PDB file of N, CA and C in Angstrom:
ATOM      1  N   MET A   1     -72.590   9.941 -72.682  1.00  0.00           N
ATOM      2  CA  MET A   1     -73.344   9.723 -71.672  1.00  0.00           C
ATOM      3  C   MET A   1     -72.509   9.287 -70.282  1.00  0.00           C
ATOM      4  N   GLU A   2     -72.736   9.799 -69.137  1.00  0.00           N
ATOM      5  CA  GLU A   2     -72.013   9.327 -67.800  1.00  0.00           C
ATOM      6  C   GLU A   2     -72.780   8.598 -67.039  1.00  0.00           C
ATOM      7  N   PHE A   3     -72.339   7.389 -66.526  1.00  0.00           N
ATOM      8  CA  PHE A   3     -72.899   6.127 -65.758  1.00  0.00           C
ATOM      9  C   PHE A   3     -72.500   6.684 -64.258  1.00  0.00           C
ATOM     10  N   THR A   4     -73.558   6.793 -63.467  1.00  0.00           N
ATOM     11  CA  THR A   4     -72.873   6.793 -62.041  1.00  0.00           C
ATOM     12  C   THR A   4     -72.807   5.167 -61.292  1.00  0.00           C
ATOM     13  N   PRO A   5     -71.887   4.962 -60.576  1.00  0.00           N
ATOM     14  CA  PRO A   5     -71.766   3.507 -60.108  1.00  0.00           C
ATOM     15  C   PRO A   5     -72.695   3.349 -59.156  1.00  0.00           C
ATOM     16  N   ILE A   6     -73.270   2.204 -58.984  1.00  0.00           N
ATOM     17  CA  ILE A   6     -74.328   1.671 -57.957  1.00  0.00           C
ATOM     18  C   ILE A   6     -73.599   1.599 -56.629  1.00  0.00           C
ATOM     19  N   ARG A   7     -74.023   2.360 -55.738  1.00  0.00           N
ATOM     20  CA  ARG A   7     -73.593   2.362 -54.191  1.00  0.00           C
ATOM     21  C   ARG A   7     -73.709   0.925 -53.445  1.00  0.00           C
ATOM     22  N   PRO A   8     -72.728   0.290 -53.033  1.00  0.00           N
ATOM     23  CA  PRO A   8     -72.845  -1.048 -52.173  1.00  0.00           C
ATOM     24  C   PRO A   8     -74.065  -0.821 -51.220  1.00  0.00           C
ATOM     25  N   ILE A   9     -74.576  -1.683 -50.722  1.00  0.00           N
ATOM     26  CA  ILE A   9     -75.581  -2.014 -49.945  1.00  0.00           C
ATOM     27  C   ILE A   9     -74.830  -1.684 -48.294  1.00  0.00           C
ATOM     28  N   GLU A  10     -75.408  -0.481 -47.768  1.00  0.00           N
ATOM     29  CA  GLU A  10     -75.019  -0.429 -46.495  1.00  0.00           C
ATOM     30  C   GLU A  10     -75.702  -1.104 -45.358  1.00  0.00           C
ATOM     31  N   PRO A  11     -75.080  -1.336 -44.330  1.00  0.00           N
ATOM     32  CA  PRO A  11     -75.964  -1.821 -43.218  1.00  0.00           C
ATOM     33  C   PRO A  11     -76.665  -0.814 -42.561  1.00  0.00           C
ATOM     34  N   LEU A  12     -78.063  -1.241 -42.056  1.00  0.00           N
ATOM     35  CA  LEU A  12     -79.097  -0.148 -41.506  1.00  0.00           C
ATOM     36  C   LEU A  12     -78.215   0.228 -40.036  1.00  0.00           C
ATOM     37  N   TRP A  13     -77.457  -0.612 -39.161  1.00  0.00           N
ATOM     38  CA  TRP A  13     -76.828  -0.118 -38.110  1.00  0.00           C
ATOM     39  C   TRP A  13     -75.450  -1.183 -37.940  1.00  0.00           C
ATOM     40  N   GLU A  14     -74.530  -0.705 -37.339  1.00  0.00           N
ATOM     41  CA  GLU A  14     -73.192  -1.374 -37.331  1.00  0.00           C
ATOM     42  C   GLU A  14     -73.620  -2.655 -36.240  1.00  0.00           C
ATOM     43  N   SER A  15     -72.369  -3.374 -36.258  1.00  0.00           N
ATOM     44  CA  SER A  15     -72.575  -4.948 -35.563  1.00  0.00           C
ATOM     45  C   SER A  15     -72.568  -4.211 -33.811  1.00  0.00           C
ATOM     46  N   GLN A  16     -73.383  -4.915 -33.210  1.00  0.00           N
ATOM     47  CA  GLN A  16     -73.438  -4.793 -31.800  1.00  0.00           C
ATOM     48  C   GLN A  16     -72.017  -4.690 -31.137  1.00  0.00           C
ATOM     49  N   THR A  17     -71.045  -5.143 -31.412  1.00  0.00           N
ATOM     50  CA  THR A  17     -69.658  -4.951 -30.734  1.00  0.00           C
ATOM     51  C   THR A  17     -69.206  -3.653 -30.894  1.00  0.00           C
ATOM     52  N   GLU A  18     -69.639  -3.100 -31.852  1.00  0.00           N
ATOM     53  CA  GLU A  18     -69.100  -1.889 -32.459  1.00  0.00           C
ATOM     54  C   GLU A  18     -69.907  -0.675 -31.873  1.00  0.00           C
ATOM     55  N   GLN A  19     -70.922  -0.977 -31.191  1.00  0.00           N
ATOM     56  CA  GLN A  19     -72.002   0.243 -30.827  1.00  0.00           C
ATOM     57  C   GLN A  19     -71.574   0.494 -29.370  1.00  0.00           C
ATOM     58  N   PRO A  20     -71.185   1.866 -28.766  1.00  0.00           N
ATOM     59  CA  PRO A  20     -71.034   2.080 -27.639  1.00  0.00           C
ATOM     60  C   PRO A  20     -71.856   1.744 -26.559  1.00  0.00           C
ATOM     61  N   GLU A  21     -73.308   1.637 -26.837  1.00  0.00           N
ATOM     62  CA  GLU A  21     -74.252   1.174 -25.861  1.00  0.00           C
ATOM     63  C   GLU A  21     -74.476  -0.342 -25.790  1.00  0.00           C
ATOM     64  N   ALA A  22     -73.531  -1.129 -26.661  1.00  0.00           N
ATOM     65  CA  ALA A  22     -73.653  -2.548 -26.541  1.00  0.00           C
ATOM     66  C   ALA A  22     -72.897  -3.143 -25.611  1.00  0.00           C
ATOM     67  N   VAL A  23     -71.916  -2.136 -25.187  1.00  0.00           N
ATOM     68  CA  VAL A  23     -70.901  -2.887 -24.115  1.00  0.00           C
ATOM     69  C   VAL A  23     -71.750  -3.148 -22.945  1.00  0.00           C
ATOM     70  N   GLY A  24     -71.319  -4.150 -22.136  1.00  0.00           N
ATOM     71  CA  GLY A  24     -71.643  -4.593 -21.037  1.00  0.00           C
ATOM     72  C   GLY A  24     -73.126  -5.543 -21.390  1.00  0.00           C
ATOM     73  N   ARG A  25     -73.620  -5.697 -22.684  1.00  0.00           N
ATOM     74  CA  ARG A  25     -74.874  -6.105 -22.834  1.00  0.00           C
ATOM     75  C   ARG A  25     -74.659  -7.918 -23.026  1.00  0.00           C
ATOM     76  N   ASP A  26     -75.451  -8.579 -22.861  1.00  0.00           N
ATOM     77  CA  ASP A  26     -75.114 -10.052 -22.987  1.00  0.00           C
ATOM     78  C   ASP A  26     -75.417 -10.439 -24.296  1.00  0.00           C
ATOM     79  N   ALA A  27     -75.259 -11.545 -25.048  1.00  0.00           N
ATOM     80  CA  ALA A  27     -75.326 -11.960 -26.346  1.00  0.00           C
ATOM     81  C   ALA A  27     -77.121 -12.217 -26.608  1.00  0.00           C
ATOM     82  N   SER A  28     -77.751 -12.446 -25.373  1.00  0.00           N
ATOM     83  CA  SER A  28     -79.363 -12.772 -25.726  1.00  0.00           C
ATOM     84  C   SER A  28     -79.986 -11.401 -26.023  1.00  0.00           C
ATOM     85  N   HIS A  29     -79.516 -10.093 -25.781  1.00  0.00           N
ATOM     86  CA  HIS A  29     -79.980  -8.954 -26.017  1.00  0.00           C
ATOM     87  C   HIS A  29     -79.793  -8.315 -27.214  1.00  0.00           C
ATOM     88  N   THR A  30     -80.874  -8.689 -27.845  1.00  0.00           N
ATOM     89  CA  THR A  30     -80.755  -8.466 -29.555  1.00  0.00           C
ATOM     90  C   THR A  30     -81.662  -7.420 -30.009  1.00  0.00           C
ATOM     91  N   LEU A  31     -81.807  -7.183 -31.046  1.00  0.00           N
ATOM     92  CA  LEU A  31     -82.608  -6.177 -31.817  1.00  0.00           C
ATOM     93  C   LEU A  31     -84.121  -6.524 -31.806  1.00  0.00           C
ATOM     94  N   PHE A  32     -84.123  -8.191 -31.926  1.00  0.00           N
ATOM     95  CA  PHE A  32     -85.391  -8.898 -31.707  1.00  0.00           C
ATOM     96  C   PHE A  32     -85.977  -8.454 -30.229  1.00  0.00           C
ATOM     97  N   ALA A  33     -85.237  -8.735 -29.392  1.00  0.00           N
ATOM     98  CA  ALA A  33     -85.835  -8.769 -27.947  1.00  0.00           C
ATOM     99  C   ALA A  33     -86.216  -7.162 -27.805  1.00  0.00           C
ATOM    100  N   ASP A  34     -85.204  -6.350 -28.141  1.00  0.00           N
ATOM    101  CA  ASP A  34     -85.530  -4.877 -28.079  1.00  0.00           C
ATOM    102  C   ASP A  34     -87.014  -4.359 -28.725  1.00  0.00           C
ATOM    103  N   VAL A  35     -87.338  -5.078 -29.768  1.00  0.00           N
ATOM    104  CA  VAL A  35     -88.551  -4.791 -30.400  1.00  0.00           C
ATOM    105  C   VAL A  35     -89.790  -5.134 -29.438  1.00  0.00           C
ATOM    106  N   PHE A  36     -89.646  -6.190 -28.686  1.00  0.00           N
ATOM    107  CA  PHE A  36     -90.411  -6.992 -27.991  1.00  0.00           C
ATOM    108  C   PHE A  36     -90.807  -6.132 -26.675  1.00  0.00           C
ATOM    109  N   GLN A  37     -89.589  -5.655 -26.149  1.00  0.00           N
ATOM    110  CA  GLN A  37     -89.213  -5.069 -24.851  1.00  0.00           C
ATOM    111  C   GLN A  37     -90.188  -3.682 -25.008  1.00  0.00           C
ATOM    112  N   SER A  38     -89.798  -3.225 -26.215  1.00  0.00           N
ATOM    113  CA  SER A  38     -90.440  -1.638 -26.332  1.00  0.00           C
ATOM    114  C   SER A  38     -91.795  -1.774 -26.510  1.00  0.00           C
ATOM    115  N   ALA A  39     -92.245  -2.812 -27.093  1.00  0.00           N
ATOM    116  CA  ALA A  39     -93.789  -3.134 -27.265  1.00  0.00           C
ATOM    117  C   ALA A  39     -94.571  -3.442 -25.998  1.00  0.00           C
ATOM    118  N   ILE A  40     -93.608  -4.115 -25.124  1.00  0.00           N
ATOM    119  CA  ILE A  40     -94.371  -4.337 -23.605  1.00  0.00           C
ATOM    120  C   ILE A  40     -94.217  -3.127 -23.004  1.00  0.00           C
ATOM    121  N   GLN A  41     -93.267  -2.368 -23.132  1.00  0.00           N
ATOM    122  CA  GLN A  41     -93.173  -1.014 -22.337  1.00  0.00           C
ATOM    123  C   GLN A  41     -94.380  -0.088 -22.774  1.00  0.00           C
ATOM    124  N   ASN A  42     -94.578  -0.119 -24.288  1.00  0.00           N
ATOM    125  CA  ASN A  42     -95.718   0.737 -24.581  1.00  0.00           C
ATOM    126  C   ASN A  42     -97.131   0.470 -24.028  1.00  0.00           C
ATOM    127  N   VAL A  43     -97.390  -0.818 -24.064  1.00  0.00           N
ATOM    128  CA  VAL A  43     -98.473  -1.494 -23.318  1.00  0.00           C
ATOM    129  C   VAL A  43     -98.506  -0.911 -21.792  1.00  0.00           C
ATOM    130  N   ARG A  44     -97.566  -0.997 -21.235  1.00  0.00           N
ATOM    131  CA  ARG A  44     -97.520  -0.581 -19.836  1.00  0.00           C
ATOM    132  C   ARG A  44     -97.745   0.645 -19.700  1.00  0.00           C
ATOM    133  N   ASP A  45     -97.177   1.615 -20.366  1.00  0.00           N
ATOM    134  CA  ASP A  45     -97.247   3.247 -20.381  1.00  0.00           C
ATOM    135  C   ASP A  45     -98.789   3.538 -20.801  1.00  0.00           C
ATOM    136  N   THR A  46     -99.206   2.877 -21.884  1.00  0.00           N
ATOM    137  CA  THR A  46    -100.620   3.170 -22.366  1.00  0.00           C
ATOM    138  C   THR A  46    -101.469   2.907 -21.369  1.00  0.00           C
ATOM    139  N   ASN A  47    -101.466   1.652 -20.682  1.00  0.00           N
ATOM    140  CA  ASN A  47    -102.274   1.209 -19.859  1.00  0.00           C
ATOM    141  C   ASN A  47    -102.125   2.210 -18.512  1.00  0.00           C
ATOM    142  N   ALA A  48    -101.058   2.552 -18.072  1.00  0.00           N
ATOM    143  CA  ALA A  48    -100.775   3.572 -16.898  1.00  0.00           C
ATOM    144  C   ALA A  48    -101.501   5.034 -17.045  1.00  0.00           C
ATOM    145  N   GLN A  49    -101.428   5.550 -18.371  1.00  0.00           N
ATOM    146  CA  GLN A  49    -102.096   6.632 -18.843  1.00  0.00           C
ATOM    147  C   GLN A  49    -103.500   6.603 -18.610  1.00  0.00           C
ATOM    148  N   GLN A  50    -104.151   5.079 -19.426  1.00  0.00           N
ATOM    149  CA  GLN A  50    -105.541   5.263 -19.048  1.00  0.00           C
ATOM    150  C   GLN A  50    -106.138   5.246 -17.792  1.00  0.00           C
ATOM    151  N   VAL A  51    -105.345   4.574 -16.924  1.00  0.00           N
ATOM    152  CA  VAL A  51    -105.753   4.114 -15.516  1.00  0.00           C
ATOM    153  C   VAL A  51    -105.981   5.738 -14.875  1.00  0.00           C
ATOM    154  N   ASN A  52    -104.732   6.417 -15.172  1.00  0.00           N
ATOM    155  CA  ASN A  52    -104.591   7.591 -14.567  1.00  0.00           C
ATOM    156  C   ASN A  52    -105.612   8.669 -14.995  1.00  0.00           C
ATOM    157  N   LEU A  53    -105.877   8.627 -16.300  1.00  0.00           N
ATOM    158  CA  LEU A  53    -107.117   9.449 -16.927  1.00  0.00           C
ATOM    159  C   LEU A  53    -108.675   9.191 -16.287  1.00  0.00           C
ATOM    160  N   GLU A  54    -108.617   7.764 -16.221  1.00  0.00           N
ATOM    161  CA  GLU A  54    -110.089   7.184 -15.547  1.00  0.00           C
ATOM    162  C   GLU A  54    -110.037   7.734 -14.077  1.00  0.00           C
ATOM    163  N   TYR A  55    -109.119   7.657 -13.455  1.00  0.00           N
ATOM    164  CA  TYR A  55    -108.999   8.276 -11.914  1.00  0.00           C
ATOM    165  C   TYR A  55    -109.285   9.628 -12.009  1.00  0.00           C
ATOM    166  N   GLN A  56    -108.447  10.539 -12.908  1.00  0.00           N
ATOM    167  CA  GLN A  56    -108.784  11.864 -12.866  1.00  0.00           C
ATOM    168  C   GLN A  56    -110.206  12.226 -13.243  1.00  0.00           C
ATOM    169  N   LEU A  57    -110.767  11.432 -14.130  1.00  0.00           N
ATOM    170  CA  LEU A  57    -112.482  11.553 -14.522  1.00  0.00           C
ATOM    171  C   LEU A  57    -113.290  11.321 -13.579  1.00  0.00           C
ATOM    172  N   ALA A  58    -112.910  10.238 -12.641  1.00  0.00           N
ATOM    173  CA  ALA A  58    -113.739   9.613 -11.461  1.00  0.00           C
ATOM    174  C   ALA A  58    -113.787  10.847 -10.279  1.00  0.00           C
ATOM    175  N   THR A  59    -112.416  11.567 -10.342  1.00  0.00           N
ATOM    176  CA  THR A  59    -112.416  12.494  -9.045  1.00  0.00           C
ATOM    177  C   THR A  59    -112.886  14.096  -9.372  1.00  0.00           C
ATOM    178  N   GLY A  60    -113.227  13.922 -10.876  1.00  0.00           N
ATOM    179  CA  GLY A  60    -113.613  15.233 -11.195  1.00  0.00           C
ATOM    180  C   GLY A  60    -112.360  16.289 -11.579  1.00  0.00           C
ATOM    181  N   GLN A  61    -111.373  15.910 -11.567  1.00  0.00           N
ATOM    182  CA  GLN A  61    -110.169  16.660 -12.171  1.00  0.00           C
ATOM    183  C   GLN A  61    -110.055  17.153 -13.705  1.00  0.00           C
ATOM    184  N   ILE A  62    -110.333  16.007 -14.686  1.00  0.00           N
ATOM    185  CA  ILE A  62    -110.625  16.648 -15.930  1.00  0.00           C
ATOM    186  C   ILE A  62    -112.188  16.465 -16.301  1.00  0.00           C
ATOM    187  N   ASP A  63    -112.446  17.493 -17.118  1.00  0.00           N
ATOM    188  CA  ASP A  63    -113.843  17.844 -17.855  1.00  0.00           C
ATOM    189  C   ASP A  63    -114.028  17.039 -19.159  1.00  0.00           C
ATOM    190  N   ASN A  64    -112.984  16.616 -19.743  1.00  0.00           N
ATOM    191  CA  ASN A  64    -113.352  16.111 -21.057  1.00  0.00           C
ATOM    192  C   ASN A  64    -113.065  14.654 -21.031  1.00  0.00           C
ATOM    193  N   PRO A  65    -114.395  13.873 -21.217  1.00  0.00           N
ATOM    194  CA  PRO A  65    -114.340  12.404 -21.161  1.00  0.00           C
ATOM    195  C   PRO A  65    -113.779  11.880 -22.480  1.00  0.00           C
ATOM    196  N   ALA A  66    -113.676  12.603 -23.372  1.00  0.00           N
ATOM    197  CA  ALA A  66    -112.779  12.178 -24.934  1.00  0.00           C
ATOM    198  C   ALA A  66    -111.407  11.929 -24.549  1.00  0.00           C
ATOM    199  N   LEU A  67    -110.752  12.411 -23.789  1.00  0.00           N
ATOM    200  CA  LEU A  67    -109.474  11.857 -23.371  1.00  0.00           C
ATOM    201  C   LEU A  67    -109.283  10.610 -22.642  1.00  0.00           C
ATOM    202  N   VAL A  68    -110.468  10.273 -22.145  1.00  0.00           N
ATOM    203  CA  VAL A  68    -110.366   9.041 -21.577  1.00  0.00           C
ATOM    204  C   VAL A  68    -110.619   7.848 -22.608  1.00  0.00           C
ATOM    205  N   ASN A  69    -111.477   8.284 -23.357  1.00  0.00           N
ATOM    206  CA  ASN A  69    -111.643   7.488 -24.547  1.00  0.00           C
ATOM    207  C   ASN A  69    -110.800   7.229 -25.389  1.00  0.00           C
ATOM    208  N   THR A  70    -109.958   8.252 -25.400  1.00  0.00           N
ATOM    209  CA  THR A  70    -108.611   8.427 -26.525  1.00  0.00           C
ATOM    210  C   THR A  70    -107.568   7.176 -25.924  1.00  0.00           C
ATOM    211  N   ALA A  71    -107.597   7.514 -24.516  1.00  0.00           N
ATOM    212  CA  ALA A  71    -106.591   6.461 -23.686  1.00  0.00           C
ATOM    213  C   ALA A  71    -106.898   5.189 -23.912  1.00  0.00           C
ATOM    214  N   ILE A  72    -108.041   4.923 -23.791  1.00  0.00           N
ATOM    215  CA  ILE A  72    -108.671   3.344 -23.674  1.00  0.00           C
ATOM    216  C   ILE A  72    -108.331   2.848 -24.924  1.00  0.00           C
ATOM    217  N   ALA A  73    -108.612   3.432 -25.971  1.00  0.00           N
ATOM    218  CA  ALA A  73    -108.433   3.349 -27.530  1.00  0.00           C
ATOM    219  C   ALA A  73    -106.923   2.834 -27.931  1.00  0.00           C
ATOM    220  N   LYS A  74    -105.906   3.659 -27.125  1.00  0.00           N
ATOM    221  CA  LYS A  74    -104.606   3.499 -27.410  1.00  0.00           C
ATOM    222  C   LYS A  74    -104.291   2.273 -26.746  1.00  0.00           C
ATOM    223  N   ALA A  75    -104.618   2.080 -25.269  1.00  0.00           N
ATOM    224  CA  ALA A  75    -104.254   0.991 -24.653  1.00  0.00           C
ATOM    225  C   ALA A  75    -104.773  -0.207 -25.114  1.00  0.00           C
ATOM    226  N   SER A  76    -106.043  -0.196 -25.786  1.00  0.00           N
ATOM    227  CA  SER A  76    -106.282  -1.539 -26.502  1.00  0.00           C
ATOM    228  C   SER A  76    -105.628  -2.061 -27.743  1.00  0.00           C
ATOM    229  N   THR A  77    -105.340  -0.662 -28.507  1.00  0.00           N
ATOM    230  CA  THR A  77    -104.713  -1.010 -29.743  1.00  0.00           C
ATOM    231  C   THR A  77    -103.109  -1.340 -29.453  1.00  0.00           C
ATOM    232  N   ALA A  78    -102.319  -0.825 -28.277  1.00  0.00           N
ATOM    233  CA  ALA A  78    -101.012  -1.261 -27.937  1.00  0.00           C
ATOM    234  C   ALA A  78    -101.091  -2.820 -27.312  1.00  0.00           C
ATOM    235  N   ALA A  79    -102.000  -3.160 -26.763  1.00  0.00           N
ATOM    236  CA  ALA A  79    -102.398  -4.560 -26.321  1.00  0.00           C
ATOM    237  C   ALA A  79    -102.650  -5.350 -27.600  1.00  0.00           C
ATOM    238  N   GLU A  80    -103.308  -4.942 -28.488  1.00  0.00           N
ATOM    239  CA  GLU A  80    -103.636  -5.940 -29.591  1.00  0.00           C
ATOM    240  C   GLU A  80    -102.374  -6.163 -30.607  1.00  0.00           C
ATOM    241  N   LEU A  81    -101.634  -5.029 -30.665  1.00  0.00           N
ATOM    242  CA  LEU A  81    -100.273  -4.852 -31.372  1.00  0.00           C
ATOM    243  C   LEU A  81     -99.387  -6.016 -30.900  1.00  0.00           C
ATOM    244  N   LEU A  82     -99.366  -5.793 -29.591  1.00  0.00           N
ATOM    245  CA  LEU A  82     -98.338  -6.913 -28.773  1.00  0.00           C
ATOM    246  C   LEU A  82     -99.056  -8.307 -28.931  1.00  0.00           C
ATOM    247  N   MET A  83    -100.012  -8.427 -29.163  1.00  0.00           N
ATOM    248  CA  MET A  83    -100.428 -10.025 -29.062  1.00  0.00           C
ATOM    249  C   MET A  83    -100.289 -10.356 -30.505  1.00  0.00           C
ATOM    250  N   GLN A  84    -100.479  -9.379 -31.636  1.00  0.00           N
ATOM    251  CA  GLN A  84    -100.251 -10.151 -32.833  1.00  0.00           C
ATOM    252  C   GLN A  84     -98.880 -10.252 -33.068  1.00  0.00           C
ATOM    253  N   MET A  85     -97.847  -9.093 -32.457  1.00  0.00           N
ATOM    254  CA  MET A  85     -96.508  -9.540 -32.715  1.00  0.00           C
ATOM    255  C   MET A  85     -96.212 -10.960 -32.411  1.00  0.00           C
ATOM    256  N   ARG A  86     -96.599 -11.221 -31.138  1.00  0.00           N
ATOM    257  CA  ARG A  86     -96.372 -12.356 -30.510  1.00  0.00           C
ATOM    258  C   ARG A  86     -96.850 -13.529 -31.380  1.00  0.00           C
ATOM    259  N   ASN A  87     -97.878 -13.600 -31.799  1.00  0.00           N
ATOM    260  CA  ASN A  87     -98.620 -14.548 -32.694  1.00  0.00           C
ATOM    261  C   ASN A  87     -97.647 -14.865 -33.838  1.00  0.00           C
ATOM    262  N   LYS A  88     -97.347 -13.661 -34.642  1.00  0.00           N
ATOM    263  CA  LYS A  88     -96.229 -13.623 -35.669  1.00  0.00           C
ATOM    264  C   LYS A  88     -95.112 -14.607 -35.517  1.00  0.00           C
ATOM    265  N   ALA A  89     -94.504 -14.013 -34.243  1.00  0.00           N
ATOM    266  CA  ALA A  89     -93.081 -14.797 -33.834  1.00  0.00           C
ATOM    267  C   ALA A  89     -93.393 -16.120 -33.794  1.00  0.00           C
ATOM    268  N   LEU A  90     -94.514 -16.406 -33.052  1.00  0.00           N
ATOM    269  CA  LEU A  90     -94.647 -18.134 -32.961  1.00  0.00           C
ATOM    270  C   LEU A  90     -94.811 -18.619 -34.153  1.00  0.00           C
ATOM    271  N   ASP A  91     -95.590 -18.357 -35.069  1.00  0.00           N
ATOM    272  CA  ASP A  91     -95.729 -18.803 -36.322  1.00  0.00           C
ATOM    273  C   ASP A  91     -94.571 -18.931 -36.986  1.00  0.00           C
ATOM    274  N   ALA A  92     -93.616 -17.904 -36.984  1.00  0.00           N
ATOM    275  CA  ALA A  92     -92.281 -17.672 -37.723  1.00  0.00           C
ATOM    276  C   ALA A  92     -91.532 -19.021 -36.810  1.00  0.00           C
ATOM    277  N   TYR A  93     -91.576 -19.167 -35.610  1.00  0.00           N
ATOM    278  CA  TYR A  93     -90.734 -20.056 -34.908  1.00  0.00           C
ATOM    279  C   TYR A  93     -91.369 -21.607 -35.685  1.00  0.00           C
ATOM    280  N   ASN A  94     -92.656 -21.651 -35.338  1.00  0.00           N
ATOM    281  CA  ASN A  94     -92.979 -23.072 -36.127  1.00  0.00           C
ATOM    282  C   ASN A  94     -92.963 -23.365 -37.256  1.00  0.00           C
ATOM    283  N   GLU A  95     -92.926 -22.373 -38.210  1.00  0.00           N
ATOM    284  CA  GLU A  95     -92.487 -22.820 -39.590  1.00  0.00           C
ATOM    285  C   GLU A  95     -90.999 -23.311 -39.733  1.00  0.00           C
ATOM    286  N   LEU A  96     -90.185 -22.321 -38.985  1.00  0.00           N
ATOM    287  CA  LEU A  96     -88.693 -22.970 -38.776  1.00  0.00           C
ATOM    288  C   LEU A  96     -88.448 -24.092 -38.399  1.00  0.00           C
ATOM    289  N   MET A  97     -89.273 -24.580 -37.268  1.00  0.00           N
ATOM    290  CA  MET A  97     -89.106 -26.088 -36.856  1.00  0.00           C
ATOM    291  C   MET A  97     -89.684 -26.893 -37.715  1.00  0.00           C
ATOM    292  N   ARG A  98     -90.354 -26.702 -38.573  1.00  0.00           N
ATOM    293  CA  ARG A  98     -91.010 -27.786 -39.708  1.00  0.00           C
ATOM    294  C   ARG A  98     -89.855 -27.856 -40.887  1.00  0.00           C
ATOM    295  N   ILE A  99     -88.898 -26.954 -40.922  1.00  0.00           N
ATOM    296  CA  ILE A  99     -88.113 -27.021 -41.950  1.00  0.00           C
ATOM    297  C   ILE A  99     -87.103 -28.354 -41.980  1.00  0.00           C
ATOM    298  N   SER A 100     -86.974 -29.208 -42.740  1.00  0.00           N
ATOM    299  CA  SER A 100     -86.170 -30.467 -42.573  1.00  0.00           C
ATOM    300  C   SER A 100     -84.986 -30.081 -43.408  1.00  0.00           C
ATOM    301  N   LEU A 101     -83.979 -30.233 -42.905  1.00  0.00           N
ATOM    302  CA  LEU A 101     -82.685 -30.169 -43.513  1.00  0.00           C
ATOM    303  C   LEU A 101     -81.868 -31.352 -43.985  1.00  0.00           C
TER     304      LEU A 101
END
């Protein structure tokens, strides 16, 4: 019976100093910040799409009100996700602050 060796754990990404896109970034720009910035940008994009579709519906440029309802639901969900992410991050920070060393 032949056994195959277990492969070592590989990182999901290389360190930021080795990434070409990381050149010129400051130390505060991390994956954690990227996640929140993308969530904020998602809220902005979905809100802009919602406003645009509402305007088009009001001016008679689109006939399908279901598109507007879908855009409203997407914008609401994106905002709720951002708020939940913020709440979880604050809970984690508060929990870390309670740890006594």
